Amino acid sequence: MKAEKKTVIGYVLASLAVIAADQALKAWVVRNIPLNAAPAQQLPLIPGVVHLTHIRNSGVAFGMLAGGRWVFLTLLAAFCVLVVWALVRRKLAAPWERWLAVLAMAGAIGNGIDRALYGYVVDMFELEFMHFAVFNIADIAINVCCILFVLLMLLRREPDKTEPEPK
């Protein structure tokens, strides 16, 4: 029981770290980079690769489904209930399944905070080498965890069932 309590504390602390980093960077961007910043006002992170900008996104990737604030918040609540239910009912067997679900949920909560408070999400990372959606830390957590979850599920080997057949 003690190890399980430590794991739960780990989930909570990791989630809080993702949410805090996401919210802190969003607040910094709002204070320091003008909305829809011109190239001269953007902050290079890795020249030629990525810079910080400041946009508001009321939709999902590439602004699709703009204005769906309450739909997104409802889906967030359902996703959080599903993840907590899966953890409590032990539906996620492997530790990586649990960690990826928890961290994806943390990212969703980070964006959910923006949607609940402002009706939009603050995005700031813009790739320079290709046209791609501008994104934030929460988006990274959601997408990386979900992609890894699917890939690992597809690549997972089932345990050998070498039981002798009944005669």
N, C-alpha and C. Protein backbone atom coordinates (compact mmCIF):
# COMPACT_ATOMS: atom_id res chain seq x y z
N MET A 1 0.82 -1.20 0.00
CA MET A 1 0.00 0.00 0.00
C MET A 1 0.86 1.25 0.00
N LYS A 2 2.03 1.17 0.65
CA LYS A 2 2.91 2.32 0.73
C LYS A 2 3.44 2.70 -0.65
N ALA A 3 3.83 1.71 -1.46
CA ALA A 3 4.34 1.97 -2.81
C ALA A 3 3.26 2.60 -3.67
N GLU A 4 2.02 2.14 -3.51
CA GLU A 4 0.91 2.69 -4.28
C GLU A 4 0.68 4.16 -3.94
N LYS A 5 0.81 4.50 -2.66
CA LYS A 5 0.64 5.90 -2.23
C LYS A 5 1.74 6.77 -2.83
N LYS A 6 2.98 6.26 -2.87
CA LYS A 6 4.08 7.00 -3.49
C LYS A 6 3.82 7.21 -4.97
N THR A 7 3.27 6.20 -5.65
CA THR A 7 2.96 6.32 -7.07
C THR A 7 1.91 7.39 -7.31
N VAL A 8 0.88 7.40 -6.49
CA VAL A 8 -0.18 8.41 -6.63
C VAL A 8 0.41 9.80 -6.40
N ILE A 9 1.26 9.95 -5.41
CA ILE A 9 1.92 11.23 -5.16
C ILE A 9 2.77 11.62 -6.37
N GLY A 10 3.44 10.66 -6.97
CA GLY A 10 4.23 10.91 -8.19
C GLY A 10 3.36 11.41 -9.33
N TYR A 11 2.19 10.77 -9.53
CA TYR A 11 1.26 11.21 -10.57
C TYR A 11 0.84 12.66 -10.33
N VAL A 12 0.48 12.95 -9.09
CA VAL A 12 0.00 14.30 -8.75
C VAL A 12 1.12 15.32 -8.97
N LEU A 13 2.33 15.03 -8.49
CA LEU A 13 3.44 15.97 -8.62
C LEU A 13 3.82 16.18 -10.09
N ALA A 14 3.88 15.10 -10.86
CA ALA A 14 4.21 15.23 -12.29
C ALA A 14 3.13 16.03 -13.02
N SER A 15 1.87 15.78 -12.69
CA SER A 15 0.77 16.53 -13.31
C SER A 15 0.86 18.00 -12.96
N LEU A 16 1.09 18.28 -11.69
CA LEU A 16 1.21 19.68 -11.27
C LEU A 16 2.39 20.37 -11.94
N ALA A 17 3.49 19.64 -12.15
CA ALA A 17 4.65 20.23 -12.82
C ALA A 17 4.31 20.59 -14.27
N VAL A 18 3.62 19.71 -14.98
CA VAL A 18 3.22 20.00 -16.37
C VAL A 18 2.28 21.19 -16.40
N ILE A 19 1.27 21.18 -15.54
CA ILE A 19 0.29 22.27 -15.51
C ILE A 19 0.96 23.59 -15.14
N ALA A 20 1.83 23.57 -14.13
CA ALA A 20 2.49 24.80 -13.69
C ALA A 20 3.42 25.35 -14.77
N ALA A 21 4.20 24.48 -15.42
CA ALA A 21 5.10 24.94 -16.48
C ALA A 21 4.29 25.53 -17.64
N ASP A 22 3.20 24.88 -17.99
CA ASP A 22 2.34 25.36 -19.07
C ASP A 22 1.76 26.73 -18.73
N GLN A 23 1.18 26.85 -17.57
CA GLN A 23 0.55 28.10 -17.17
C GLN A 23 1.57 29.23 -16.98
N ALA A 24 2.74 28.89 -16.44
CA ALA A 24 3.78 29.91 -16.23
C ALA A 24 4.29 30.46 -17.56
N LEU A 25 4.55 29.56 -18.51
CA LEU A 25 5.03 30.03 -19.81
C LEU A 25 3.96 30.84 -20.53
N LYS A 26 2.72 30.40 -20.46
CA LYS A 26 1.64 31.16 -21.08
C LYS A 26 1.55 32.56 -20.47
N ALA A 27 1.64 32.66 -19.16
CA ALA A 27 1.57 33.98 -18.49
C ALA A 27 2.76 34.84 -18.92
N TRP A 28 3.95 34.25 -19.02
CA TRP A 28 5.13 35.01 -19.42
C TRP A 28 4.96 35.53 -20.85
N VAL A 29 4.46 34.69 -21.74
CA VAL A 29 4.26 35.08 -23.14
C VAL A 29 3.25 36.22 -23.23
N VAL A 30 2.15 36.11 -22.50
CA VAL A 30 1.12 37.16 -22.53
C VAL A 30 1.70 38.49 -22.07
N ARG A 31 2.57 38.48 -21.06
CA ARG A 31 3.17 39.72 -20.54
C ARG A 31 4.30 40.27 -21.42
N ASN A 32 4.99 39.40 -22.16
CA ASN A 32 6.22 39.83 -22.82
C ASN A 32 6.22 39.82 -24.34
N ILE A 33 5.27 39.16 -24.96
CA ILE A 33 5.22 39.11 -26.43
C ILE A 33 3.85 39.61 -26.87
N PRO A 34 3.81 40.61 -27.74
CA PRO A 34 2.52 41.13 -28.19
C PRO A 34 1.69 40.06 -28.91
N LEU A 35 0.38 40.17 -28.76
CA LEU A 35 -0.53 39.26 -29.45
C LEU A 35 -0.29 39.37 -30.95
N ASN A 36 -0.24 38.24 -31.65
CA ASN A 36 0.02 38.18 -33.09
C ASN A 36 1.30 38.95 -33.44
N ALA A 37 2.33 38.66 -32.70
CA ALA A 37 3.60 39.38 -32.80
C ALA A 37 4.17 39.37 -34.22
N ALA A 38 4.70 40.51 -34.61
CA ALA A 38 5.44 40.60 -35.87
C ALA A 38 6.76 39.84 -35.69
N PRO A 39 7.39 39.41 -36.78
CA PRO A 39 8.64 38.65 -36.65
C PRO A 39 9.69 39.33 -35.76
N ALA A 40 9.80 40.62 -35.81
CA ALA A 40 10.80 41.32 -34.99
C ALA A 40 10.48 41.25 -33.49
N GLN A 41 9.22 40.96 -33.14
CA GLN A 41 8.80 40.89 -31.74
C GLN A 41 8.83 39.47 -31.19
N GLN A 42 9.06 38.50 -32.04
CA GLN A 42 9.10 37.10 -31.62
C GLN A 42 10.45 36.78 -31.01
N LEU A 43 10.49 35.81 -30.14
CA LEU A 43 11.72 35.45 -29.44
C LEU A 43 12.27 34.13 -29.98
N PRO A 44 13.44 34.15 -30.63
CA PRO A 44 13.99 32.88 -31.14
C PRO A 44 14.44 31.99 -29.98
N LEU A 45 14.08 30.72 -30.07
CA LEU A 45 14.55 29.72 -29.10
C LEU A 45 15.71 28.95 -29.69
N ILE A 46 15.45 28.35 -30.84
CA ILE A 46 16.50 27.66 -31.60
C ILE A 46 16.41 28.24 -33.02
N PRO A 47 17.31 29.16 -33.36
CA PRO A 47 17.22 29.83 -34.66
C PRO A 47 17.10 28.83 -35.82
N GLY A 48 16.15 29.13 -36.69
CA GLY A 48 15.89 28.26 -37.83
C GLY A 48 15.00 27.07 -37.51
N VAL A 49 14.71 26.87 -36.23
CA VAL A 49 13.90 25.72 -35.83
C VAL A 49 12.59 26.15 -35.17
N VAL A 50 12.67 26.92 -34.09
CA VAL A 50 11.47 27.30 -33.35
C VAL A 50 11.68 28.65 -32.67
N HIS A 51 10.60 29.43 -32.61
CA HIS A 51 10.62 30.69 -31.87
C HIS A 51 9.33 30.82 -31.07
N LEU A 52 9.35 31.74 -30.12
CA LEU A 52 8.14 32.04 -29.33
C LEU A 52 7.39 33.17 -29.99
N THR A 53 6.09 32.98 -30.09
CA THR A 53 5.19 34.02 -30.57
C THR A 53 4.02 34.06 -29.61
N HIS A 54 2.95 34.72 -29.94
CA HIS A 54 1.80 34.81 -29.03
C HIS A 54 0.53 34.84 -29.87
N ILE A 55 -0.21 33.75 -29.81
CA ILE A 55 -1.51 33.72 -30.48
C ILE A 55 -2.56 33.18 -29.51
N ARG A 56 -3.80 33.42 -29.86
CA ARG A 56 -4.94 32.86 -29.11
C ARG A 56 -5.67 31.90 -30.04
N ASN A 57 -5.99 30.74 -29.51
CA ASN A 57 -6.64 29.71 -30.31
C ASN A 57 -7.91 29.27 -29.58
N SER A 58 -9.06 29.58 -30.18
CA SER A 58 -10.32 29.16 -29.56
C SER A 58 -10.77 27.79 -30.07
N GLY A 59 -9.95 27.18 -30.92
CA GLY A 59 -10.28 25.87 -31.44
C GLY A 59 -9.26 24.83 -31.02
N VAL A 60 -9.06 23.85 -31.89
CA VAL A 60 -8.02 22.84 -31.66
C VAL A 60 -6.92 23.11 -32.67
N ALA A 61 -6.13 22.12 -33.02
CA ALA A 61 -5.01 22.31 -33.94
C ALA A 61 -5.43 23.06 -35.20
N PHE A 62 -4.60 24.01 -35.60
CA PHE A 62 -4.84 24.85 -36.76
C PHE A 62 -6.13 25.65 -36.64
N GLY A 63 -6.63 25.84 -35.43
CA GLY A 63 -7.83 26.64 -35.21
C GLY A 63 -9.14 25.96 -35.59
N MET A 64 -9.10 24.66 -35.88
CA MET A 64 -10.33 23.95 -36.24
C MET A 64 -11.29 23.94 -35.06
N LEU A 65 -12.57 23.92 -35.36
CA LEU A 65 -13.64 23.89 -34.36
C LEU A 65 -13.57 25.10 -33.42
N ALA A 66 -13.23 26.25 -33.97
CA ALA A 66 -13.12 27.47 -33.16
C ALA A 66 -14.45 27.78 -32.49
N GLY A 67 -14.36 28.28 -31.27
CA GLY A 67 -15.55 28.67 -30.53
C GLY A 67 -16.23 27.53 -29.79
N GLY A 68 -15.63 26.38 -29.74
CA GLY A 68 -16.25 25.23 -29.09
C GLY A 68 -15.89 25.13 -27.62
N ARG A 69 -15.81 26.26 -26.94
CA ARG A 69 -15.35 26.30 -25.55
C ARG A 69 -16.03 25.27 -24.65
N TRP A 70 -17.34 25.26 -24.63
CA TRP A 70 -18.06 24.37 -23.70
C TRP A 70 -17.99 22.92 -24.14
N VAL A 71 -17.90 22.70 -25.44
CA VAL A 71 -17.72 21.33 -25.94
C VAL A 71 -16.37 20.80 -25.47
N PHE A 72 -15.31 21.63 -25.61
CA PHE A 72 -13.98 21.22 -25.18
C PHE A 72 -13.92 20.99 -23.67
N LEU A 73 -14.56 21.86 -22.91
CA LEU A 73 -14.55 21.70 -21.45
C LEU A 73 -15.32 20.45 -21.02
N THR A 74 -16.40 20.14 -21.72
CA THR A 74 -17.16 18.92 -21.44
C THR A 74 -16.32 17.69 -21.77
N LEU A 75 -15.63 17.72 -22.91
CA LEU A 75 -14.75 16.61 -23.28
C LEU A 75 -13.60 16.46 -22.29
N LEU A 76 -13.07 17.58 -21.80
CA LEU A 76 -12.02 17.54 -20.79
C LEU A 76 -12.51 16.85 -19.53
N ALA A 77 -13.69 17.24 -19.07
CA ALA A 77 -14.23 16.63 -17.86
C ALA A 77 -14.43 15.12 -18.07
N ALA A 78 -14.96 14.74 -19.22
CA ALA A 78 -15.17 13.32 -19.51
C ALA A 78 -13.84 12.57 -19.57
N PHE A 79 -12.83 13.18 -20.19
CA PHE A 79 -11.51 12.55 -20.28
C PHE A 79 -10.91 12.37 -18.89
N CYS A 80 -11.00 13.38 -18.04
CA CYS A 80 -10.46 13.28 -16.68
C CYS A 80 -11.17 12.19 -15.89
N VAL A 81 -12.48 12.11 -16.01
CA VAL A 81 -13.24 11.06 -15.32
C VAL A 81 -12.80 9.69 -15.83
N LEU A 82 -12.62 9.56 -17.14
CA LEU A 82 -12.20 8.29 -17.73
C LEU A 82 -10.82 7.87 -17.23
N VAL A 83 -9.88 8.81 -17.20
CA VAL A 83 -8.52 8.48 -16.75
C VAL A 83 -8.53 8.08 -15.28
N VAL A 84 -9.22 8.85 -14.44
CA VAL A 84 -9.28 8.52 -13.01
C VAL A 84 -9.96 7.17 -12.81
N TRP A 85 -11.05 6.94 -13.53
CA TRP A 85 -11.75 5.65 -13.44
C TRP A 85 -10.80 4.51 -13.83
N ALA A 86 -10.06 4.68 -14.94
CA ALA A 86 -9.15 3.64 -15.41
C ALA A 86 -8.04 3.38 -14.39
N LEU A 87 -7.58 4.43 -13.73
CA LEU A 87 -6.54 4.26 -12.71
C LEU A 87 -7.09 3.55 -11.48
N VAL A 88 -8.24 3.98 -11.00
CA VAL A 88 -8.84 3.40 -9.80
C VAL A 88 -9.23 1.94 -10.03
N ARG A 89 -9.79 1.65 -11.20
CA ARG A 89 -10.24 0.29 -11.52
C ARG A 89 -9.11 -0.59 -12.08
N ARG A 90 -7.91 -0.04 -12.15
CA ARG A 90 -6.74 -0.77 -12.62
C ARG A 90 -6.92 -1.31 -14.05
N LYS A 91 -7.49 -0.48 -14.90
CA LYS A 91 -7.70 -0.85 -16.30
C LYS A 91 -6.43 -0.63 -17.12
N LEU A 92 -5.52 0.17 -16.60
CA LEU A 92 -4.23 0.42 -17.27
C LEU A 92 -3.19 -0.42 -16.53
N ALA A 93 -2.81 -1.52 -17.14
CA ALA A 93 -1.97 -2.51 -16.45
C ALA A 93 -0.52 -2.09 -16.31
N ALA A 94 0.08 -1.61 -17.39
CA ALA A 94 1.51 -1.30 -17.37
C ALA A 94 1.74 0.10 -16.80
N PRO A 95 2.85 0.28 -16.10
CA PRO A 95 3.16 1.61 -15.56
C PRO A 95 3.21 2.69 -16.64
N TRP A 96 3.75 2.37 -17.83
CA TRP A 96 3.82 3.38 -18.88
C TRP A 96 2.42 3.80 -19.33
N GLU A 97 1.46 2.89 -19.31
CA GLU A 97 0.08 3.24 -19.67
C GLU A 97 -0.47 4.28 -18.69
N ARG A 98 -0.23 4.03 -17.41
CA ARG A 98 -0.73 4.95 -16.37
C ARG A 98 -0.05 6.31 -16.48
N TRP A 99 1.29 6.32 -16.62
CA TRP A 99 2.01 7.59 -16.70
C TRP A 99 1.59 8.40 -17.93
N LEU A 100 1.48 7.76 -19.07
CA LEU A 100 1.09 8.49 -20.28
C LEU A 100 -0.32 9.04 -20.15
N ALA A 101 -1.24 8.28 -19.58
CA ALA A 101 -2.61 8.77 -19.39
C ALA A 101 -2.64 9.96 -18.44
N VAL A 102 -1.90 9.87 -17.35
CA VAL A 102 -1.86 10.95 -16.36
C VAL A 102 -1.26 12.22 -16.96
N LEU A 103 -0.17 12.08 -17.71
CA LEU A 103 0.48 13.27 -18.28
C LEU A 103 -0.35 13.88 -19.42
N ALA A 104 -1.04 13.05 -20.20
CA ALA A 104 -1.95 13.58 -21.22
C ALA A 104 -3.09 14.34 -20.54
N MET A 105 -3.59 13.79 -19.44
CA MET A 105 -4.64 14.48 -18.69
C MET A 105 -4.14 15.81 -18.14
N ALA A 106 -2.91 15.86 -17.67
CA ALA A 106 -2.34 17.11 -17.16
C ALA A 106 -2.28 18.16 -18.27
N GLY A 107 -1.86 17.76 -19.46
CA GLY A 107 -1.86 18.68 -20.59
C GLY A 107 -3.26 19.18 -20.91
N ALA A 108 -4.21 18.27 -20.90
CA ALA A 108 -5.60 18.66 -21.18
C ALA A 108 -6.11 19.64 -20.12
N ILE A 109 -5.73 19.43 -18.89
CA ILE A 109 -6.14 20.36 -17.82
C ILE A 109 -5.48 21.72 -18.03
N GLY A 110 -4.20 21.74 -18.44
CA GLY A 110 -3.53 23.01 -18.71
C GLY A 110 -4.27 23.83 -19.75
N ASN A 111 -4.67 23.21 -20.85
CA ASN A 111 -5.45 23.93 -21.86
C ASN A 111 -6.86 24.22 -21.37
N GLY A 112 -7.41 23.33 -20.55
CA GLY A 112 -8.75 23.54 -20.01
C GLY A 112 -8.82 24.77 -19.11
N ILE A 113 -7.76 25.02 -18.37
CA ILE A 113 -7.72 26.21 -17.52
C ILE A 113 -7.87 27.46 -18.39
N ASP A 114 -7.12 27.51 -19.50
CA ASP A 114 -7.23 28.66 -20.41
C ASP A 114 -8.65 28.79 -20.96
N ARG A 115 -9.19 27.67 -21.42
CA ARG A 115 -10.53 27.71 -22.01
C ARG A 115 -11.58 28.17 -21.00
N ALA A 116 -11.46 27.67 -19.77
CA ALA A 116 -12.44 28.04 -18.74
C ALA A 116 -12.32 29.53 -18.38
N LEU A 117 -11.09 30.02 -18.25
CA LEU A 117 -10.89 31.42 -17.83
C LEU A 117 -11.07 32.42 -18.95
N TYR A 118 -10.61 32.09 -20.17
CA TYR A 118 -10.55 33.09 -21.23
C TYR A 118 -11.36 32.74 -22.48
N GLY A 119 -11.73 31.49 -22.64
CA GLY A 119 -12.45 31.08 -23.85
C GLY A 119 -11.52 30.74 -25.01
N TYR A 120 -10.22 30.79 -24.77
CA TYR A 120 -9.22 30.45 -25.79
C TYR A 120 -7.98 29.91 -25.08
N VAL A 121 -7.08 29.34 -25.88
CA VAL A 121 -5.82 28.81 -25.37
C VAL A 121 -4.70 29.68 -25.91
N VAL A 122 -3.74 30.01 -25.05
CA VAL A 122 -2.56 30.75 -25.49
C VAL A 122 -1.55 29.75 -26.05
N ASP A 123 -1.13 29.98 -27.30
CA ASP A 123 -0.12 29.14 -27.94
C ASP A 123 1.10 30.00 -28.24
N MET A 124 2.29 29.37 -28.25
CA MET A 124 3.50 30.17 -28.42
C MET A 124 4.63 29.54 -29.22
N PHE A 125 4.73 28.23 -29.30
CA PHE A 125 5.84 27.62 -30.03
C PHE A 125 5.48 27.55 -31.52
N GLU A 126 6.31 28.21 -32.35
CA GLU A 126 6.08 28.18 -33.79
C GLU A 126 7.32 27.64 -34.49
N LEU A 127 7.12 26.58 -35.25
CA LEU A 127 8.22 25.98 -36.00
C LEU A 127 8.56 26.86 -37.19
N GLU A 128 9.84 27.00 -37.47
CA GLU A 128 10.30 27.85 -38.56
C GLU A 128 10.58 27.07 -39.84
N PHE A 129 10.84 25.79 -39.72
CA PHE A 129 11.25 25.00 -40.88
C PHE A 129 10.09 24.36 -41.62
N MET A 130 8.87 24.48 -41.10
CA MET A 130 7.69 23.94 -41.76
C MET A 130 6.45 24.65 -41.25
N HIS A 131 5.40 24.67 -42.07
CA HIS A 131 4.14 25.27 -41.64
C HIS A 131 3.41 24.25 -40.77
N PHE A 132 3.24 24.61 -39.53
CA PHE A 132 2.62 23.70 -38.57
C PHE A 132 1.84 24.55 -37.59
N ALA A 133 0.94 23.93 -36.85
CA ALA A 133 0.17 24.65 -35.84
C ALA A 133 1.10 25.23 -34.78
N VAL A 134 0.77 26.42 -34.28
CA VAL A 134 1.47 26.98 -33.13
C VAL A 134 0.94 26.24 -31.92
N PHE A 135 1.81 25.89 -30.98
CA PHE A 135 1.38 25.03 -29.88
C PHE A 135 2.01 25.47 -28.57
N ASN A 136 1.68 24.77 -27.48
CA ASN A 136 2.15 25.12 -26.14
C ASN A 136 2.60 23.86 -25.40
N ILE A 137 3.02 24.02 -24.16
CA ILE A 137 3.49 22.87 -23.37
C ILE A 137 2.38 21.84 -23.17
N ALA A 138 1.16 22.30 -22.92
CA ALA A 138 0.05 21.36 -22.73
C ALA A 138 -0.17 20.53 -23.99
N ASP A 139 -0.10 21.17 -25.16
CA ASP A 139 -0.27 20.45 -26.42
C ASP A 139 0.82 19.39 -26.58
N ILE A 140 2.05 19.74 -26.20
CA ILE A 140 3.15 18.78 -26.28
C ILE A 140 2.85 17.56 -25.40
N ALA A 141 2.42 17.81 -24.17
CA ALA A 141 2.11 16.70 -23.26
C ALA A 141 0.99 15.83 -23.82
N ILE A 142 -0.05 16.45 -24.32
CA ILE A 142 -1.19 15.69 -24.86
C ILE A 142 -0.75 14.85 -26.05
N ASN A 143 -0.14 15.50 -27.02
CA ASN A 143 0.19 14.81 -28.27
C ASN A 143 1.28 13.77 -28.11
N VAL A 144 2.36 14.11 -27.42
CA VAL A 144 3.44 13.13 -27.24
C VAL A 144 2.92 11.91 -26.48
N CYS A 145 2.18 12.15 -25.40
CA CYS A 145 1.68 11.02 -24.60
C CYS A 145 0.68 10.17 -25.38
N CYS A 146 -0.21 10.79 -26.13
CA CYS A 146 -1.20 10.02 -26.89
C CYS A 146 -0.55 9.23 -28.02
N ILE A 147 0.41 9.86 -28.72
CA ILE A 147 1.11 9.15 -29.80
C ILE A 147 1.91 7.98 -29.23
N LEU A 148 2.64 8.21 -28.14
CA LEU A 148 3.39 7.12 -27.51
C LEU A 148 2.47 6.01 -27.03
N PHE A 149 1.33 6.38 -26.45
CA PHE A 149 0.38 5.39 -25.96
C PHE A 149 -0.08 4.48 -27.10
N VAL A 150 -0.47 5.08 -28.21
CA VAL A 150 -0.94 4.29 -29.36
C VAL A 150 0.19 3.42 -29.91
N LEU A 151 1.37 4.02 -30.11
CA LEU A 151 2.50 3.25 -30.64
C LEU A 151 2.87 2.08 -29.72
N LEU A 152 2.95 2.34 -28.44
CA LEU A 152 3.31 1.27 -27.51
C LEU A 152 2.23 0.19 -27.44
N MET A 153 0.98 0.59 -27.57
CA MET A 153 -0.10 -0.42 -27.60
C MET A 153 0.03 -1.29 -28.85
N LEU A 154 0.35 -0.66 -29.98
CA LEU A 154 0.48 -1.42 -31.22
C LEU A 154 1.70 -2.34 -31.22
N LEU A 155 2.76 -1.90 -30.56
CA LEU A 155 4.00 -2.67 -30.54
C LEU A 155 4.11 -3.65 -29.37
N ARG A 156 3.17 -3.58 -28.47
CA ARG A 156 3.21 -4.43 -27.27
C ARG A 156 3.08 -5.90 -27.66
N ARG A 157 3.94 -6.67 -27.08
CA ARG A 157 3.88 -8.11 -27.31
C ARG A 157 3.00 -8.73 -26.24
N GLU A 158 2.15 -9.60 -26.68
CA GLU A 158 1.31 -10.34 -25.75
C GLU A 158 2.17 -11.39 -25.06
N PRO A 159 1.89 -11.69 -23.80
CA PRO A 159 2.67 -12.73 -23.12
C PRO A 159 2.46 -14.08 -23.81
N ASP A 160 3.51 -14.88 -23.83
CA ASP A 160 3.41 -16.20 -24.43
C ASP A 160 2.39 -17.03 -23.66
N LYS A 161 1.50 -17.63 -24.41
CA LYS A 161 0.50 -18.51 -23.79
C LYS A 161 0.86 -19.94 -24.18
N THR A 162 1.83 -20.44 -23.48
CA THR A 162 2.35 -21.78 -23.80
C THR A 162 1.75 -22.84 -22.90
N GLU A 163 0.50 -22.65 -22.59
CA GLU A 163 -0.18 -23.66 -21.79
C GLU A 163 -0.46 -24.87 -22.65
N PRO A 164 -0.30 -26.03 -22.11
CA PRO A 164 -0.62 -27.22 -22.90
C PRO A 164 -2.13 -27.27 -23.18
N GLU A 165 -2.44 -27.73 -24.38
CA GLU A 165 -3.85 -27.82 -24.72
C GLU A 165 -4.49 -29.00 -24.02
N PRO A 166 -5.74 -28.82 -23.56
CA PRO A 166 -6.40 -29.94 -22.88
C PRO A 166 -6.63 -31.10 -23.82
N LYS A 167 -6.53 -32.34 -23.25
CA LYS A 167 -6.70 -33.55 -24.06
C LYS A 167 -8.05 -34.12 -23.92
